[in-house]
C-alpha atoms as a PDB file:
ATOM      1  CA  MET A   1      79.606 111.458 105.267  1.00  0.00           C
ATOM      2  CA  GLU A   2      78.087 112.443 108.612  1.00  0.00           C
ATOM      3  CA  ARG A   3      77.366 108.806 109.420  1.00  0.00           C
ATOM      4  CA  TRP A   4      80.955 107.994 108.508  1.00  0.00           C
ATOM      5  CA  LEU A   5      82.225 110.686 110.889  1.00  0.00           C
ATOM      6  CA  ASP A   6      80.340 109.025 113.730  1.00  0.00           C
ATOM      7  CA  ARG A   7      81.618 105.539 112.860  1.00  0.00           C
ATOM      8  CA  ARG A   8      85.147 106.123 111.608  1.00  0.00           C
ATOM      9  CA  SER A   9      86.574 109.153 113.444  1.00  0.00           C
ATOM     10  CA  TRP A  10      88.352 108.539 116.730  1.00  0.00           C
ATOM     11  CA  SER A  11      90.831 110.012 119.180  1.00  0.00           C
ATOM     12  CA  VAL A  12      94.200 108.467 119.965  1.00  0.00           C
ATOM     13  CA  GLY A  13      92.979 107.891 123.536  1.00  0.00           C
ATOM     14  CA  ASP A  14      90.189 105.590 122.362  1.00  0.00           C
ATOM     15  CA  ARG A  15      92.658 102.717 121.962  1.00  0.00           C
ATOM     16  CA  PRO A  16      95.133 102.385 124.850  1.00  0.00           C
ATOM     17  CA  LEU A  17      98.545 100.992 124.060  1.00  0.00           C
ATOM     18  CA  ASP A  18      97.946  97.725 125.917  1.00  0.00           C
ATOM     19  CA  GLN A  19      94.903  97.121 123.729  1.00  0.00           C
ATOM     20  CA  LEU A  20      97.004  97.596 120.597  1.00  0.00           C
ATOM     21  CA  LEU A  21      99.708  95.241 121.828  1.00  0.00           C
ATOM     22  CA  ALA A  22      97.144  92.568 122.657  1.00  0.00           C
ATOM     23  CA  ALA A  23      95.541  92.918 119.220  1.00  0.00           C
ATOM     24  CA  LYS A  24      98.938  92.722 117.552  1.00  0.00           C
ATOM     25  CA  ARG A  25      99.780  89.522 119.428  1.00  0.00           C
ATOM     26  CA  ASP A  26      96.405  87.960 118.659  1.00  0.00           C
ATOM     27  CA  THR A  27      96.498  88.721 114.941  1.00  0.00           C
ATOM     28  CA  GLY A  28     100.222  88.341 114.317  1.00  0.00           C
ATOM     29  CA  THR A  29     100.184  91.607 112.357  1.00  0.00           C
ATOM     30  CA  THR A  30     103.555  93.199 111.691  1.00  0.00           C
ATOM     31  CA  VAL A  31     103.968  96.982 111.606  1.00  0.00           C
ATOM     32  CA  GLY A  32     106.474  98.980 109.607  1.00  0.00           C
ATOM     33  CA  VAL A  33     107.074 102.727 109.906  1.00  0.00           C
ATOM     34  CA  VAL A  34     108.497 104.644 106.953  1.00  0.00           C
ATOM     35  CA  LEU A  35     109.921 108.171 107.129  1.00  0.00           C
ATOM     36  CA  PRO A  36     110.431 109.713 103.673  1.00  0.00           C
ATOM     37  CA  ALA A  37     113.250 112.198 104.113  1.00  0.00           C
ATOM     38  CA  LEU A  38     114.959 114.888 102.055  1.00  0.00           C
ATOM     39  CA  ASN A  39     117.399 117.116 103.959  1.00  0.00           C
ATOM     40  CA  GLU A  40     115.770 116.654 107.376  1.00  0.00           C
ATOM     41  CA  GLU A  41     118.835 116.220 109.587  1.00  0.00           C
ATOM     42  CA  ALA A  42     117.434 118.687 112.133  1.00  0.00           C
ATOM     43  CA  THR A  43     114.368 116.584 112.964  1.00  0.00           C
ATOM     44  CA  VAL A  44     114.660 113.017 111.672  1.00  0.00           C
ATOM     45  CA  GLY A  45     116.873 111.808 114.543  1.00  0.00           C
ATOM     46  CA  ASP A  46     114.434 112.924 117.246  1.00  0.00           C
ATOM     47  CA  ILE A  47     111.535 111.192 115.489  1.00  0.00           C
ATOM     48  CA  VAL A  48     113.488 107.952 115.142  1.00  0.00           C
ATOM     49  CA  THR A  49     114.633 108.132 118.768  1.00  0.00           C
ATOM     50  CA  THR A  50     111.074 108.592 120.038  1.00  0.00           C
ATOM     51  CA  ILE A  51     109.703 105.674 118.031  1.00  0.00           C
ATOM     52  CA  ARG A  52     112.507 103.339 119.108  1.00  0.00           C
ATOM     53  CA  ARG A  53     112.307 104.387 122.768  1.00  0.00           C
ATOM     54  CA  GLU A  54     108.512 104.178 123.088  1.00  0.00           C
ATOM     55  CA  LEU A  55     107.352 101.623 120.515  1.00  0.00           C
ATOM     56  CA  MET A  56     110.253  99.258 119.776  1.00  0.00           C
ATOM     57  CA  THR A  57     111.264  97.845 123.169  1.00  0.00           C
ATOM     58  CA  ASP A  58     110.838  94.417 124.728  1.00  0.00           C
ATOM     59  CA  ALA A  59     108.050  95.853 126.864  1.00  0.00           C
ATOM     60  CA  VAL A  60     106.336  97.677 123.969  1.00  0.00           C
ATOM     61  CA  PRO A  61     107.058  95.815 120.710  1.00  0.00           C
ATOM     62  CA  LEU A  62     104.477  97.641 118.601  1.00  0.00           C
ATOM     63  CA  VAL A  63     106.711  98.602 115.659  1.00  0.00           C
ATOM     64  CA  ASP A  64     108.678  95.839 113.942  1.00  0.00           C
ATOM     65  CA  GLU A  65     110.684  97.875 111.420  1.00  0.00           C
ATOM     66  CA  LEU A  66     111.635 101.515 111.169  1.00  0.00           C
ATOM     67  CA  VAL A  67     112.968 102.678 107.806  1.00  0.00           C
ATOM     68  CA  VAL A  68     114.114 106.113 106.708  1.00  0.00           C
ATOM     69  CA  LEU A  69     113.861 106.335 102.921  1.00  0.00           C
ATOM     70  CA  ASP A  70     116.399 108.961 101.881  1.00  0.00           C
ATOM     71  CA  SER A  71     115.334 110.856  98.769  1.00  0.00           C
ATOM     72  CA  GLY A  72     118.793 112.130  97.842  1.00  0.00           C
ATOM     73  CA  SER A  73     119.626 114.317 100.839  1.00  0.00           C
ATOM     74  CA  THR A  74     122.692 116.547 100.608  1.00  0.00           C
ATOM     75  CA  ASP A  75     122.925 117.123 104.371  1.00  0.00           C
ATOM     76  CA  ARG A  76     123.472 114.591 107.178  1.00  0.00           C
ATOM     77  CA  THR A  77     119.940 113.170 107.182  1.00  0.00           C
ATOM     78  CA  ALA A  78     121.144 109.613 106.605  1.00  0.00           C
ATOM     79  CA  GLU A  79     123.789 109.831 109.320  1.00  0.00           C
ATOM     80  CA  ALA A  80     121.374 111.314 111.866  1.00  0.00           C
ATOM     81  CA  ALA A  81     118.735 108.678 111.143  1.00  0.00           C
ATOM     82  CA  ALA A  82     121.206 105.793 111.350  1.00  0.00           C
ATOM     83  CA  ALA A  83     122.742 107.107 114.569  1.00  0.00           C
ATOM     84  CA  ALA A  84     119.288 107.226 116.141  1.00  0.00           C
ATOM     85  CA  GLY A  85     118.644 103.604 115.194  1.00  0.00           C
ATOM     86  CA  ALA A  86     116.740 103.606 111.914  1.00  0.00           C
ATOM     87  CA  ARG A  87     117.509 101.430 108.933  1.00  0.00           C
ATOM     88  CA  VAL A  88     118.387 103.927 106.216  1.00  0.00           C
ATOM     89  CA  VAL A  89     117.638 103.035 102.609  1.00  0.00           C
ATOM     90  CA  HIS A  90     118.540 105.287  99.713  1.00  0.00           C
ATOM     91  CA  ARG A  91     115.848 105.780  97.109  1.00  0.00           C
ATOM     92  CA  ASP A  92     118.158 104.823  94.226  1.00  0.00           C
ATOM     93  CA  SER A  93     119.025 101.451  95.777  1.00  0.00           C
ATOM     94  CA  VAL A  94     115.405 100.277  95.587  1.00  0.00           C
ATOM     95  CA  LEU A  95     114.342  98.930  92.201  1.00  0.00           C
ATOM     96  CA  PRO A  96     117.497 100.262  90.485  1.00  0.00           C
ATOM     97  CA  ARG A  97     116.367  99.178  87.015  1.00  0.00           C
ATOM     98  CA  LEU A  98     113.870 102.082  87.085  1.00  0.00           C
ATOM     99  CA  PRO A  99     115.620 105.478  87.293  1.00  0.00           C
ATOM    100  CA  ALA A 100     114.136 107.372  90.213  1.00  0.00           C
ATOM    101  CA  LEU A 101     111.924 110.370  89.602  1.00  0.00           C
ATOM    102  CA  PRO A 102     112.015 113.348  91.976  1.00  0.00           C
ATOM    103  CA  GLY A 103     109.141 113.574  94.420  1.00  0.00           C
ATOM    104  CA  LYS A 104     107.740 112.339  97.699  1.00  0.00           C
ATOM    105  CA  GLY A 105     105.336 109.881  96.091  1.00  0.00           C
ATOM    106  CA  GLU A 106     108.205 108.150  94.337  1.00  0.00           C
ATOM    107  CA  VAL A 107     109.868 107.471  97.690  1.00  0.00           C
ATOM    108  CA  LEU A 108     106.660 106.189  99.285  1.00  0.00           C
ATOM    109  CA  TRP A 109     106.062 103.857  96.350  1.00  0.00           C
ATOM    110  CA  ARG A 110     109.583 102.417  96.513  1.00  0.00           C
ATOM    111  CA  SER A 111     109.287 101.980 100.272  1.00  0.00           C
ATOM    112  CA  LEU A 112     106.852  99.118  99.711  1.00  0.00           C
ATOM    113  CA  LEU A 113     109.706  97.125  98.215  1.00  0.00           C
ATOM    114  CA  ALA A 114     112.084  98.132 101.027  1.00  0.00           C
ATOM    115  CA  THR A 115     109.765  97.018 103.850  1.00  0.00           C
ATOM    116  CA  SER A 116     107.746  93.957 104.785  1.00  0.00           C
ATOM    117  CA  GLY A 117     105.206  95.019 107.442  1.00  0.00           C
ATOM    118  CA  ASP A 118     101.581  93.965 107.032  1.00  0.00           C
ATOM    119  CA  VAL A 119     100.675  97.509 108.080  1.00  0.00           C
ATOM    120  CA  VAL A 120     102.720 100.369 106.627  1.00  0.00           C
ATOM    121  CA  CYS A 121     102.741 103.654 108.533  1.00  0.00           C
ATOM    122  CA  PHE A 122     104.047 106.808 106.847  1.00  0.00           C
ATOM    123  CA  VAL A 123     105.351 109.720 108.960  1.00  0.00           C
ATOM    124  CA  ASP A 124     106.867 112.920 107.556  1.00  0.00           C
ATOM    125  CA  ALA A 125     110.447 113.495 108.693  1.00  0.00           C
ATOM    126  CA  ASP A 126     110.133 117.247 109.332  1.00  0.00           C
ATOM    127  CA  LEU A 127     107.878 117.062 112.414  1.00  0.00           C
ATOM    128  CA  ARG A 128     108.958 118.935 115.533  1.00  0.00           C
ATOM    129  CA  ASP A 129     107.890 118.041 119.082  1.00  0.00           C
ATOM    130  CA  PHE A 130     107.077 114.581 117.747  1.00  0.00           C
ATOM    131  CA  SER A 131     104.864 112.271 119.786  1.00  0.00           C
ATOM    132  CA  ALA A 132     104.538 108.501 119.441  1.00  0.00           C
ATOM    133  CA  ASP A 133     100.775 109.159 119.367  1.00  0.00           C
ATOM    134  CA  PHE A 134     101.181 109.880 115.667  1.00  0.00           C
ATOM    135  CA  VAL A 135     102.055 106.223 115.145  1.00  0.00           C
ATOM    136  CA  THR A 136      99.818 104.529 117.727  1.00  0.00           C
ATOM    137  CA  GLY A 137      96.855 106.649 116.696  1.00  0.00           C
ATOM    138  CA  ILE A 138      96.818 105.702 113.029  1.00  0.00           C
ATOM    139  CA  VAL A 139      97.983 102.112 113.490  1.00  0.00           C
ATOM    140  CA  GLY A 140      95.405 101.418 116.200  1.00  0.00           C
ATOM    141  CA  PRO A 141      92.277 100.959 114.053  1.00  0.00           C
ATOM    142  CA  LEU A 142      94.149  98.688 111.647  1.00  0.00           C
ATOM    143  CA  LEU A 143      95.149  96.384 114.512  1.00  0.00           C
ATOM    144  CA  THR A 144      91.772  96.316 116.252  1.00  0.00           C
ATOM    145  CA  ASP A 145      89.212  96.536 113.435  1.00  0.00           C
ATOM    146  CA  PRO A 146      89.534  94.158 110.462  1.00  0.00           C
ATOM    147  CA  GLY A 147      87.131  96.308 108.452  1.00  0.00           C
ATOM    148  CA  VAL A 148      89.511  99.286 108.420  1.00  0.00           C
ATOM    149  CA  GLN A 149      92.056  99.468 105.605  1.00  0.00           C
ATOM    150  CA  PHE A 150      93.363 103.055 105.535  1.00  0.00           C
ATOM    151  CA  VAL A 151      93.739 105.588 108.385  1.00  0.00           C
ATOM    152  CA  LYS A 152      94.712 109.270 108.236  1.00  0.00           C
ATOM    153  CA  ALA A 153      95.878 111.331 111.190  1.00  0.00           C
ATOM    154  CA  MET A 154      93.971 114.528 111.954  1.00  0.00           C
ATOM    155  CA  TYR A 155      95.385 117.366 114.027  1.00  0.00           C
ATOM    156  CA  ASP A 156      95.621 121.103 114.542  1.00  0.00           C
ATOM    157  CA  ARG A 157      98.210 122.803 112.301  1.00  0.00           C
ATOM    158  CA  PRO A 158      99.496 126.119 113.667  1.00  0.00           C
ATOM    159  CA  LEU A 159     101.230 128.545 111.316  1.00  0.00           C
ATOM    160  CA  GLY A 160     104.028 130.005 113.425  1.00  0.00           C
ATOM    161  CA  GLU A 161     102.374 131.130 116.641  1.00  0.00           C
ATOM    162  CA  VAL A 162      98.893 131.316 115.113  1.00  0.00           C
ATOM    163  CA  ALA A 163      96.707 128.299 115.844  1.00  0.00           C
ATOM    164  CA  GLY A 164      94.721 126.634 113.101  1.00  0.00           C
ATOM    165  CA  GLN A 165      96.200 128.561 110.159  1.00  0.00           C
ATOM    166  CA  GLY A 166      98.397 125.812 108.716  1.00  0.00           C
ATOM    167  CA  GLY A 167      97.351 123.630 105.826  1.00  0.00           C
ATOM    168  CA  ARG A 168      96.882 126.424 103.298  1.00  0.00           C
ATOM    169  CA  VAL A 169      96.896 124.135 100.250  1.00  0.00           C
ATOM    170  CA  THR A 170      94.404 121.875 102.004  1.00  0.00           C
ATOM    171  CA  GLU A 171      91.940 124.701 102.553  1.00  0.00           C
ATOM    172  CA  LEU A 172      92.387 126.447  99.201  1.00  0.00           C
ATOM    173  CA  VAL A 173      92.744 123.452  96.876  1.00  0.00           C
ATOM    174  CA  ALA A 174      92.235 119.983  98.312  1.00  0.00           C
ATOM    175  CA  ARG A 175      89.139 120.590 100.424  1.00  0.00           C
ATOM    176  CA  PRO A 176      87.186 122.332  97.644  1.00  0.00           C
ATOM    177  CA  LEU A 177      88.152 119.578  95.189  1.00  0.00           C
ATOM    178  CA  LEU A 178      87.045 116.822  97.538  1.00  0.00           C
ATOM    179  CA  ASN A 179      83.786 118.529  98.491  1.00  0.00           C
ATOM    180  CA  LEU A 180      82.867 119.179  94.876  1.00  0.00           C
ATOM    181  CA  HIS A 181      83.984 115.941  93.265  1.00  0.00           C
ATOM    182  CA  TRP A 182      84.344 113.322  96.012  1.00  0.00           C
ATOM    183  CA  PRO A 183      81.909 114.479  98.725  1.00  0.00           C
ATOM    184  CA  GLN A 184      82.210 111.149 100.521  1.00  0.00           C
ATOM    185  CA  LEU A 185      85.738 112.253 101.488  1.00  0.00           C
ATOM    186  CA  ALA A 186      84.649 115.683 102.750  1.00  0.00           C
ATOM    187  CA  GLY A 187      84.869 114.502 106.360  1.00  0.00           C
ATOM    188  CA  PHE A 188      88.657 114.116 106.323  1.00  0.00           C
ATOM    189  CA  VAL A 189      90.142 116.885 108.443  1.00  0.00           C
ATOM    190  CA  GLN A 190      93.667 116.571 106.979  1.00  0.00           C
ATOM    191  CA  PRO A 191      93.343 114.946 103.552  1.00  0.00           C
ATOM    192  CA  LEU A 192      96.863 116.028 102.552  1.00  0.00           C
ATOM    193  CA  GLY A 193      98.546 115.127 105.843  1.00  0.00           C
ATOM    194  CA  GLY A 194     101.677 113.016 105.568  1.00  0.00           C
ATOM    195  CA  GLU A 195     100.844 110.793 108.542  1.00  0.00           C
ATOM    196  CA  TYR A 196      98.717 107.811 107.556  1.00  0.00           C
ATOM    197  CA  ALA A 197      98.773 104.047 107.744  1.00  0.00           C
ATOM    198  CA  ALA A 198      97.295 101.344 105.566  1.00  0.00           C
ATOM    199  CA  ARG A 199      97.312  97.624 105.027  1.00  0.00           C
ATOM    200  CA  ARG A 200     100.002  96.537 102.604  1.00  0.00           C
ATOM    201  CA  SER A 201      97.383  94.491 100.780  1.00  0.00           C
ATOM    202  CA  LEU A 202      95.678  97.767  99.837  1.00  0.00           C
ATOM    203  CA  LEU A 203      98.747  99.919  99.137  1.00  0.00           C
ATOM    204  CA  GLU A 204     100.227  97.385  96.736  1.00  0.00           C
ATOM    205  CA  ARG A 205      97.080  97.681  94.580  1.00  0.00           C
ATOM    206  CA  LEU A 206      97.163 101.479  94.249  1.00  0.00           C
ATOM    207  CA  PRO A 207      99.035 103.693  91.776  1.00  0.00           C
ATOM    208  CA  PHE A 208     101.299 106.307  93.372  1.00  0.00           C
ATOM    209  CA  PRO A 209     101.588 109.827  91.931  1.00  0.00           C
ATOM    210  CA  VAL A 210     105.305 110.524  92.186  1.00  0.00           C
ATOM    211  CA  GLY A 211     105.047 114.056  93.585  1.00  0.00           C
ATOM    212  CA  TYR A 212     102.937 116.177  95.909  1.00  0.00           C
ATOM    213  CA  GLY A 213      99.697 114.692  94.600  1.00  0.00           C
ATOM    214  CA  VAL A 214     100.373 111.358  96.285  1.00  0.00           C
ATOM    215  CA  GLU A 215      98.238 111.962  99.390  1.00  0.00           C
ATOM    216  CA  LEU A 216      95.167 113.047  97.451  1.00  0.00           C
ATOM    217  CA  GLY A 217      95.662 110.305  94.884  1.00  0.00           C
ATOM    218  CA  LEU A 218      95.939 107.529  97.464  1.00  0.00           C
ATOM    219  CA  LEU A 219      92.904 108.791  99.369  1.00  0.00           C
ATOM    220  CA  VAL A 220      90.687 108.973  96.275  1.00  0.00           C
ATOM    221  CA  ASP A 221      91.890 105.644  94.911  1.00  0.00           C
ATOM    222  CA  ALA A 222      91.453 103.949  98.291  1.00  0.00           C
ATOM    223  CA  LEU A 223      87.851 105.164  98.341  1.00  0.00           C
ATOM    224  CA  HIS A 224      87.179 103.633  94.931  1.00  0.00           C
ATOM    225  CA  THR A 225      89.046 100.418  95.795  1.00  0.00           C
ATOM    226  CA  VAL A 226      87.709  99.516  99.249  1.00  0.00           C
ATOM    227  CA  GLY A 227      84.869 101.975  99.926  1.00  0.00           C
ATOM    228  CA  LEU A 228      84.328 104.731 102.465  1.00  0.00           C
ATOM    229  CA  ASP A 229      83.657 102.481 105.441  1.00  0.00           C
ATOM    230  CA  ALA A 230      87.170 101.022 105.145  1.00  0.00           C
ATOM    231  CA  LEU A 231      88.672 104.501 105.611  1.00  0.00           C
ATOM    232  CA  ALA A 232      89.115 106.221 108.978  1.00  0.00           C
ATOM    233  CA  GLN A 233      90.833 109.093 110.786  1.00  0.00           C
ATOM    234  CA  VAL A 234      92.243 109.573 114.282  1.00  0.00           C
ATOM    235  CA  ASP A 235      92.846 112.797 116.214  1.00  0.00           C
ATOM    236  CA  VAL A 236      96.471 112.848 117.414  1.00  0.00           C
ATOM    237  CA  GLY A 237      96.661 116.427 118.712  1.00  0.00           C
ATOM    238  CA  VAL A 238      98.916 119.076 117.171  1.00  0.00           C
ATOM    239  CA  ARG A 239     101.307 118.845 114.225  1.00  0.00           C
ATOM    240  CA  VAL A 240     104.260 121.241 114.145  1.00  0.00           C
ATOM    241  CA  HIS A 241     106.551 121.189 111.125  1.00  0.00           C
ATOM    242  CA  ARG A 242     108.530 123.282 108.679  1.00  0.00           C
ATOM    243  CA  HIS A 243     106.332 125.449 106.431  1.00  0.00           C
ATOM    244  CA  GLN A 244     107.073 126.136 102.787  1.00  0.00           C
ATOM    245  CA  ASP A 245     106.965 129.493 101.049  1.00  0.00           C
ATOM    246  CA  GLY A 246     104.145 130.672  98.810  1.00  0.00           C
ATOM    247  CA  ARG A 247     105.752 129.676  95.521  1.00  0.00           C
ATOM    248  CA  ALA A 248     106.453 126.154  96.753  1.00  0.00           C
ATOM    249  CA  LEU A 249     102.827 125.933  97.875  1.00  0.00           C
ATOM    250  CA  GLY A 250     101.747 127.014  94.399  1.00  0.00           C
ATOM    251  CA  ARG A 251     103.699 124.167  92.839  1.00  0.00           C
ATOM    252  CA  MET A 252     102.193 121.781  95.350  1.00  0.00           C
ATOM    253  CA  ALA A 253      98.702 123.029  94.530  1.00  0.00           C
ATOM    254  CA  ALA A 254      99.264 122.535  90.814  1.00  0.00           C
ATOM    255  CA  ALA A 255     100.414 118.938  91.317  1.00  0.00           C
ATOM    256  CA  ILE A 256      97.403 118.195  93.513  1.00  0.00           C
ATOM    257  CA  TYR A 257      95.009 119.716  91.000  1.00  0.00           C
ATOM    258  CA  ARG A 258      96.613 117.676  88.248  1.00  0.00           C
ATOM    259  CA  THR A 259      96.220 114.485  90.289  1.00  0.00           C
ATOM    260  CA  ALA A 260      92.530 115.266  90.770  1.00  0.00           C
ATOM    261  CA  GLN A 261      92.121 116.128  87.102  1.00  0.00           C
ATOM    262  CA  LEU A 262      93.456 112.762  85.975  1.00  0.00           C
ATOM    263  CA  ARG A 263      91.128 110.946  88.332  1.00  0.00           C
ATOM    264  CA  LEU A 264      88.160 112.921  87.117  1.00  0.00           C
ATOM    265  CA  ALA A 265      88.722 112.519  83.421  1.00  0.00           C
ATOM    266  CA  ARG A 266      91.986 110.705  82.710  1.00  0.00           C
ATOM    267  CA  GLY A 267      92.231 113.341  80.022  1.00  0.00           C
ATOM    268  CA  HIS A 268      95.121 115.121  78.322  1.00  0.00           C
ATOM    269  CA  LEU A 269      96.794 117.964  80.177  1.00  0.00           C
ATOM    270  CA  VAL A 270      96.766 121.046  77.958  1.00  0.00           C
ATOM    271  CA  ARG A 271      99.736 122.637  79.735  1.00  0.00           C
ATOM    272  CA  PRO A 272     101.414 120.502  82.417  1.00  0.00           C
ATOM    273  CA  VAL A 273     103.569 123.387  83.680  1.00  0.00           C
ATOM    274  CA  LEU A 274     103.087 126.201  86.175  1.00  0.00           C
ATOM    275  CA  THR A 275     104.439 129.725  85.706  1.00  0.00           C
ATOM    276  CA  GLN A 276     105.069 131.809  88.820  1.00  0.00           C
ATOM    277  CA  PHE A 277     106.610 135.257  89.225  1.00  0.00           C
ATOM    278  CA  GLU A 278     109.493 136.604  91.263  1.00  0.00           C
ATOM    279  CA  ARG A 279     110.353 140.270  91.648  1.00  0.00           C
ATOM    280  CA  THR A 280     113.839 141.128  90.373  1.00  0.00           C
ATOM    281  CA  GLU A 281     115.716 144.399  89.949  1.00  0.00           C
ATOM    282  CA  SER A 282     114.146 144.788  86.509  1.00  0.00           C
ATOM    283  CA  GLY A 283     110.585 143.838  87.506  1.00  0.00           C
ATOM    284  CA  PHE A 284     108.650 140.598  87.726  1.00  0.00           C
ATOM    285  CA  ALA A 285     110.448 137.656  86.166  1.00  0.00           C
ATOM    286  CA  PRO A 286     108.542 134.503  85.169  1.00  0.00           C
ATOM    287  CA  ARG A 287     109.721 131.155  86.466  1.00  0.00           C
ATOM    288  CA  THR A 288     108.156 128.087  84.893  1.00  0.00           C
ATOM    289  CA  TYR A 289     108.119 124.696  86.600  1.00  0.00           C
ATOM    290  CA  ALA A 290     107.012 121.321  85.334  1.00  0.00           C
ATOM    291  CA  VAL A 291     103.971 119.874  87.106  1.00  0.00           C
ATOM    292  CA  ASP A 292     104.398 116.237  88.112  1.00  0.00           C
ATOM    293  CA  THR A 293     102.887 114.157  85.326  1.00  0.00           C
ATOM    294  CA  GLU A 294     104.122 110.701  86.243  1.00  0.00           C
ATOM    295  CA  GLU A 295     102.518 107.977  88.319  1.00  0.00           C
ATOM    296  CA  ARG A 296     103.969 104.661  89.364  1.00  0.00           C
ATOM    297  CA  PRO A 297     101.778 101.596  88.777  1.00  0.00           C
ATOM    298  CA  PRO A 298     100.462  99.452  91.627  1.00  0.00           C
ATOM    299  CA  MET A 299     103.407  97.715  93.289  1.00  0.00           C
ATOM    300  CA  ALA A 300     101.615  94.387  92.826  1.00  0.00           C
ATOM    301  CA  GLU A 301     102.417  94.731  89.103  1.00  0.00           C
ATOM    302  CA  ILE A 302     106.188  95.010  89.631  1.00  0.00           C
ATOM    303  CA  PRO A 303     107.985  91.663  89.019  1.00  0.00           C
ATOM    304  CA  GLU A 304     110.609  92.211  91.739  1.00  0.00           C
ATOM    305  CA  TYR A 305     107.909  92.870  94.322  1.00  0.00           C
ATOM    306  CA  VAL A 306     105.876  89.829  93.266  1.00  0.00           C
ATOM    307  CA  ALA A 307     108.971  87.625  93.461  1.00  0.00           C
ATOM    308  CA  ARG A 308     109.858  88.897  96.938  1.00  0.00           C
ATOM    309  CA  ARG A 309     106.338  88.336  98.223  1.00  0.00           C
ATOM    310  CA  ARG A 310     106.303  84.779  96.851  1.00  0.00           C
ATOM    311  CA  ALA A 311     109.627  84.032  98.509  1.00  0.00           C
ATOM    312  CA  ALA A 312     108.540  85.419 101.890  1.00  0.00           C
END
């Protein structure tokens, strides 16, 4: 792992933009950016605007397609994204023969059928003070190093005004799981971060957990599919976003643990639900939530995707 940190951890400044553009021209690689979005009208437009202004111009044609995959928003997310210049695709319009399941992973999985880039870059739609470095940083190694297949962003995560206290599920759940069961992945600073890029040829071979376990699942499965040396991370600075409350984090933690459990044993879940407690006027009331138990198969096994790739 320490050798990997020396070889496969970089800073966004290590690859200047002109170097990326030259590599993109030389290789003919196309780049698609996907923003999974659910009720993010306050932030999605600024992210789209920044990417279009800084990475999709005649002078800087780094990004070829910019898609916002709407996961059933009830606010004006779709309108804000379209007004800023994104192509907006609704989750239910992609692969309509399969009823959509709720969850972020479901949207990421369907995005492979809604895009065509050789490199697919995922960016969460709730980021504030967004910088184009999030895209150039994680796309850079894929354009300049043919041995790299999957790149995660790493960054500081403040919690409110307190530096370095974000990422509570990462520190309490994901990092212990990775260190204990997949120590080769212990060097990833932000294993659950939503900003990462990968070659389509890899993503289409991986199963996608439909919910919050998708980031851990993809990271572990990428390790087993292409090996540690094909994985990398890039420091892009600071990530500021909307934080969830403790109960939502508990549900996230349960889904992540379940994703790890399946990869460790592929065994039967004794109780695939999570009970949490809320104080009411009469005391603590239990609230029970289902833990995501579905995964989508590798996209390369979906007939519609295979047919589209053959026709391309």
